Amino acid sequence: MATSVFTVEELNFYYGPSRALSNINLQIEPRKVTALIGPSGCGKSTFLRCLNRMNDTIAGTRVEGKILLHGENIYSDSMDVVTLRQRVGMVFQKPNPFPQSIYDNVAFGPRVMGMATSRSQLDEVVERSLTQAALWNEVKHMLNENALALALGQQQRLCIARVVAVQPEVILMDESTSALDPIATLRVEELIAELKKNYTIVIVTHNMQQAARVSDFTGLFWLGELVEFSPTTEMFTRPKTELTEAYITGRMG
């Protein structure tokens, strides 16, 4: 088997004195979609934000255990957090385009990181990223218009384009379709299936049907613990624990 992108070992996470995650162990495989499910407040989004140290921005948080990205502990003192967040990009629940042009939204990261030096290089990055986000044909005639004028579903795909523009290894998606209508949700789900050819994707979703449709592996979080982690078809057809079965059949949670 290919070596894991992330290996999580005995992870505990605290907000002040309260423990939000307990003894999480799992491996995230390359170029697969891993879905994290579970009721609200069970630790899914906290865990997702541990993978690119977004929780560092919250005062009083603390981590125990290890998260290895290709064998390197992302919480070690030698890990550059800016580089980590370029390698492990995030798409949030609500689309958050910058209040500037569509072009400048996508070009922002490559400009800041010096990945494209000439205008022609930037043009290439913008077109490639918007194409990867299944948005190029819809916006190529309006690249200089304000991104906030786009429909919500388009804004979310623009945010995905902004992430892929800096060539990450992993894309994290935190409930990234929950603010979208069913048609826009379908577009993003189709996009996830396409993106996994090149990227490792981890999604948090409340929508179990979505997890079943788009993911290769699923983890069920419950009260800060990872109750079960299995190939998705296995979890939904032959769950290993009674709690998993009760949750996916709607009897609990």
Protein backbone atom coordinates (compact mmCIF):
# COMPACT_ATOMS: atom_id res chain seq x y z
CA MET A 1 0.00 0.00 0.00
CA ALA A 2 1.16 3.55 -0.70
CA THR A 3 2.52 5.31 2.32
CA SER A 4 0.00 7.44 4.17
CA VAL A 5 -0.08 11.19 3.69
CA PHE A 6 -1.07 11.77 7.33
CA THR A 7 -0.43 9.45 10.24
CA VAL A 8 -2.15 10.53 13.45
CA GLU A 9 -0.90 8.97 16.68
CA GLU A 10 -2.52 9.28 20.12
CA LEU A 11 -3.81 12.78 19.38
CA ASN A 12 -5.39 14.70 22.27
CA PHE A 13 -6.55 18.27 21.85
CA TYR A 14 -7.59 20.76 24.52
CA TYR A 15 -9.46 24.06 24.53
CA GLY A 16 -8.15 25.40 27.84
CA PRO A 17 -8.82 22.68 30.44
CA SER A 18 -11.46 20.84 28.41
CA ARG A 19 -10.43 17.96 26.20
CA ALA A 20 -12.04 18.11 22.75
CA LEU A 21 -10.28 15.12 21.16
CA SER A 22 -9.19 11.90 22.88
CA ASN A 23 -6.61 9.40 21.65
CA ILE A 24 -7.23 9.77 17.92
CA ASN A 25 -5.28 7.30 15.75
CA LEU A 26 -5.75 7.07 12.00
CA GLN A 27 -4.02 7.16 8.64
CA ILE A 28 -5.09 9.25 5.65
CA GLU A 29 -4.25 7.69 2.31
CA PRO A 30 -3.02 9.59 -0.75
CA ARG A 31 -5.43 10.63 -3.50
CA LYS A 32 -8.44 9.38 -1.62
CA VAL A 33 -11.39 11.23 -0.09
CA THR A 34 -11.72 10.76 3.67
CA ALA A 35 -15.02 11.90 5.20
CA LEU A 36 -15.47 12.72 8.88
CA ILE A 37 -19.02 12.36 10.16
CA GLY A 38 -20.74 12.65 13.54
CA PRO A 39 -23.12 14.93 15.43
CA SER A 40 -22.42 18.63 16.03
CA GLY A 41 -19.77 19.35 18.63
CA CYS A 42 -18.18 15.90 18.45
CA GLY A 43 -14.72 17.07 17.33
CA LYS A 44 -14.79 16.65 13.53
CA SER A 45 -13.93 20.26 12.66
CA THR A 46 -11.47 20.53 15.56
CA PHE A 47 -9.66 17.48 14.19
CA LEU A 48 -9.70 18.85 10.64
CA ARG A 49 -8.15 22.13 11.83
CA CYS A 50 -5.43 20.18 13.66
CA LEU A 51 -4.23 18.91 10.26
CA ASN A 52 -2.99 22.35 9.18
CA ARG A 53 -2.65 23.92 12.63
CA MET A 54 -5.53 26.36 12.15
CA ASN A 55 -6.28 25.83 15.85
CA ASP A 56 -2.98 27.60 16.64
CA THR A 57 -4.86 30.87 16.14
CA ILE A 58 -7.13 30.12 19.15
CA ALA A 59 -5.71 31.14 22.54
CA GLY A 60 -5.34 28.46 25.20
CA THR A 61 -5.37 25.44 22.91
CA ARG A 62 -2.92 22.59 23.30
CA VAL A 63 -2.04 19.39 21.46
CA GLU A 64 -0.63 16.08 22.69
CA GLY A 65 0.44 13.22 20.44
CA LYS A 66 1.68 13.37 16.86
CA ILE A 67 0.40 14.26 13.43
CA LEU A 68 2.91 13.18 10.79
CA LEU A 69 2.74 14.59 7.24
CA HIS A 70 4.82 12.22 5.11
CA GLY A 71 6.60 11.19 8.30
CA GLU A 72 7.32 14.73 9.54
CA ASN A 73 5.66 15.88 12.77
CA ILE A 74 3.70 19.03 11.88
CA TYR A 75 3.78 20.16 15.52
CA SER A 76 7.57 20.08 15.74
CA ASP A 77 9.40 23.39 16.28
CA SER A 78 11.06 23.05 12.89
CA MET A 79 7.75 23.00 10.98
CA ASP A 80 7.08 26.29 9.18
CA VAL A 81 3.35 26.90 9.61
CA VAL A 82 3.04 29.07 6.48
CA THR A 83 4.54 26.28 4.38
CA LEU A 84 2.31 23.73 6.11
CA ARG A 85 -0.82 25.70 5.22
CA GLN A 86 0.33 25.94 1.61
CA ARG A 87 0.78 22.16 1.55
CA VAL A 88 -2.49 21.53 3.41
CA GLY A 89 -5.09 24.01 2.14
CA MET A 90 -8.55 24.60 3.57
CA VAL A 91 -11.98 25.41 2.16
CA PHE A 92 -14.38 26.73 4.79
CA GLN A 93 -18.08 26.26 5.39
CA LYS A 94 -19.09 29.64 4.00
CA PRO A 95 -17.44 30.85 0.81
CA ASN A 96 -14.93 33.58 1.73
CA PRO A 97 -13.63 35.17 -1.46
CA PHE A 98 -11.55 38.31 -1.02
CA PRO A 99 -13.40 41.53 -1.99
CA GLN A 100 -11.38 41.90 -5.17
CA SER A 101 -11.42 40.57 -8.71
CA ILE A 102 -11.85 36.90 -9.57
CA TYR A 103 -8.36 36.97 -11.10
CA ASP A 104 -6.74 38.51 -8.02
CA ASN A 105 -8.41 35.97 -5.72
CA VAL A 106 -6.75 33.09 -7.55
CA ALA A 107 -3.45 34.92 -8.13
CA PHE A 108 -3.12 35.99 -4.48
CA GLY A 109 -1.31 32.91 -3.13
CA PRO A 110 1.08 32.39 -6.05
CA ARG A 111 1.97 36.11 -5.93
CA VAL A 112 2.64 36.14 -2.19
CA MET A 113 4.66 32.92 -2.32
CA GLY A 114 6.64 33.98 -5.39
CA MET A 115 5.42 30.97 -7.35
CA ALA A 116 4.71 33.01 -10.47
CA THR A 117 6.88 35.98 -11.35
CA SER A 118 5.57 37.19 -14.70
CA ARG A 119 2.08 38.14 -15.78
CA SER A 120 2.02 35.30 -18.30
CA GLN A 121 2.90 32.78 -15.57
CA LEU A 122 0.15 34.18 -13.37
CA ASP A 123 -2.32 33.99 -16.26
CA GLU A 124 -1.45 30.31 -16.67
CA VAL A 125 -1.88 29.59 -12.95
CA VAL A 126 -5.23 31.40 -12.84
CA GLU A 127 -6.59 29.58 -15.89
CA ARG A 128 -5.32 26.18 -14.70
CA SER A 129 -6.71 26.66 -11.18
CA LEU A 130 -10.11 27.87 -12.34
CA THR A 131 -10.24 24.97 -14.81
CA GLN A 132 -9.41 22.50 -12.02
CA ALA A 133 -12.21 24.06 -9.95
CA ALA A 134 -14.66 23.63 -12.86
CA LEU A 135 -15.20 27.38 -13.03
CA TRP A 136 -13.09 28.65 -15.95
CA ASN A 137 -15.79 28.47 -18.63
CA GLU A 138 -18.23 30.38 -16.42
CA VAL A 139 -15.91 33.25 -15.50
CA LYS A 140 -13.23 33.55 -18.20
CA HIS A 141 -15.00 36.57 -19.72
CA MET A 142 -15.26 38.38 -16.36
CA LEU A 143 -11.95 37.81 -14.58
CA ASN A 144 -11.67 41.48 -13.60
CA GLU A 145 -15.10 41.61 -11.97
CA ASN A 146 -15.55 41.50 -8.20
CA ALA A 147 -15.62 37.92 -6.89
CA LEU A 148 -18.42 38.83 -4.48
CA ALA A 149 -20.75 39.23 -7.48
CA LEU A 150 -20.60 35.47 -8.13
CA ALA A 151 -23.34 33.10 -7.01
CA LEU A 152 -22.62 31.28 -3.74
CA GLY A 153 -21.79 27.98 -5.43
CA GLN A 154 -19.42 29.77 -7.81
CA GLN A 155 -17.81 31.58 -4.86
CA GLN A 156 -17.13 28.24 -3.19
CA ARG A 157 -15.55 26.85 -6.36
CA LEU A 158 -13.48 30.06 -6.57
CA CYS A 159 -12.25 29.36 -3.01
CA ILE A 160 -11.29 25.85 -4.16
CA ALA A 161 -9.43 27.39 -7.14
CA ARG A 162 -7.61 29.70 -4.70
CA VAL A 163 -6.47 26.68 -2.69
CA VAL A 164 -5.30 24.64 -5.69
CA ALA A 165 -3.44 27.67 -7.12
CA VAL A 166 -0.67 27.17 -4.52
CA GLN A 167 -0.31 23.48 -5.43
CA PRO A 168 -1.18 21.86 -2.10
CA GLU A 169 -0.82 18.17 -1.36
CA VAL A 170 -3.99 18.00 0.73
CA ILE A 171 -7.31 19.87 0.56
CA LEU A 172 -9.39 20.10 3.74
CA MET A 173 -13.10 20.93 3.36
CA ASP A 174 -15.08 21.90 6.44
CA GLU A 175 -18.81 21.48 5.65
CA SER A 176 -18.00 23.15 2.36
CA THR A 177 -21.42 22.53 0.78
CA SER A 178 -23.68 23.18 3.78
CA ALA A 179 -24.40 26.78 2.69
CA LEU A 180 -25.11 25.77 -0.92
CA ASP A 181 -28.28 24.77 -2.78
CA PRO A 182 -28.62 21.17 -4.07
CA ILE A 183 -27.41 21.96 -7.60
CA ALA A 184 -24.33 23.84 -6.37
CA THR A 185 -23.69 21.02 -3.88
CA LEU A 186 -23.74 18.49 -6.71
CA ARG A 187 -21.21 20.57 -8.67
CA VAL A 188 -18.83 20.60 -5.69
CA GLU A 189 -19.28 16.85 -5.16
CA GLU A 190 -18.47 16.20 -8.83
CA LEU A 191 -15.46 18.46 -8.42
CA ILE A 192 -14.23 16.49 -5.37
CA ALA A 193 -14.33 13.29 -7.46
CA GLU A 194 -12.23 15.01 -10.13
CA LEU A 195 -9.77 16.65 -7.70
CA LYS A 196 -8.91 13.40 -5.92
CA LYS A 197 -7.01 12.32 -9.04
CA ASN A 198 -4.35 14.84 -7.99
CA TYR A 199 -5.01 15.67 -4.33
CA THR A 200 -5.67 13.99 -1.01
CA ILE A 201 -9.00 15.33 0.30
CA VAL A 202 -10.45 15.31 3.82
CA ILE A 203 -14.02 16.54 4.27
CA VAL A 204 -16.17 17.17 7.31
CA THR A 205 -19.86 16.70 6.55
CA HIS A 206 -23.13 16.45 8.44
CA ASN A 207 -24.63 14.83 5.38
CA MET A 208 -24.19 11.08 5.58
CA GLN A 209 -25.48 10.59 2.03
CA GLN A 210 -22.73 12.94 0.88
CA ALA A 211 -20.10 10.94 2.77
CA ALA A 212 -21.43 7.76 1.17
CA ARG A 213 -21.39 9.34 -2.31
CA VAL A 214 -17.99 11.03 -2.39
CA SER A 215 -15.62 9.35 0.07
CA ASP A 216 -13.35 6.32 0.02
CA PHE A 217 -12.89 6.20 3.81
CA THR A 218 -15.16 7.43 6.60
CA GLY A 219 -14.47 8.17 10.25
CA LEU A 220 -17.24 8.55 12.85
CA PHE A 221 -16.48 11.00 15.65
CA TRP A 222 -18.49 10.86 18.87
CA LEU A 223 -17.83 13.01 21.94
CA GLY A 224 -14.26 13.69 20.86
CA GLU A 225 -13.39 10.09 20.08
CA LEU A 226 -12.96 8.32 16.76
CA VAL A 227 -15.46 5.49 17.16
CA GLU A 228 -14.83 3.81 13.85
CA PHE A 229 -12.69 4.36 10.76
CA SER A 230 -13.29 2.13 7.74
CA PRO A 231 -13.60 2.06 3.97
CA THR A 232 -16.85 3.93 3.31
CA THR A 233 -18.78 1.06 1.71
CA GLU A 234 -17.85 -1.14 4.66
CA MET A 235 -18.94 1.42 7.25
CA PHE A 236 -22.31 1.97 5.63
CA THR A 237 -23.04 -1.69 4.94
CA ARG A 238 -21.20 -3.53 7.72
CA PRO A 239 -20.49 -1.11 10.59
CA LYS A 240 -18.17 -2.56 13.23
CA THR A 241 -19.77 -0.95 16.28
CA GLU A 242 -23.33 -0.66 17.54
CA LEU A 243 -22.87 3.09 17.93
CA THR A 244 -21.92 3.47 14.25
CA GLU A 245 -24.94 1.45 13.19
CA ALA A 246 -27.23 3.48 15.46
CA TYR A 247 -25.84 6.75 14.06
CA ILE A 248 -26.01 5.89 10.37
CA THR A 249 -29.52 4.43 10.69
CA GLY A 250 -30.70 7.59 12.48
CA ARG A 251 -31.44 5.97 15.85
CA MET A 252 -28.84 8.20 17.57
CA GLY A 253 -27.36 11.62 16.95
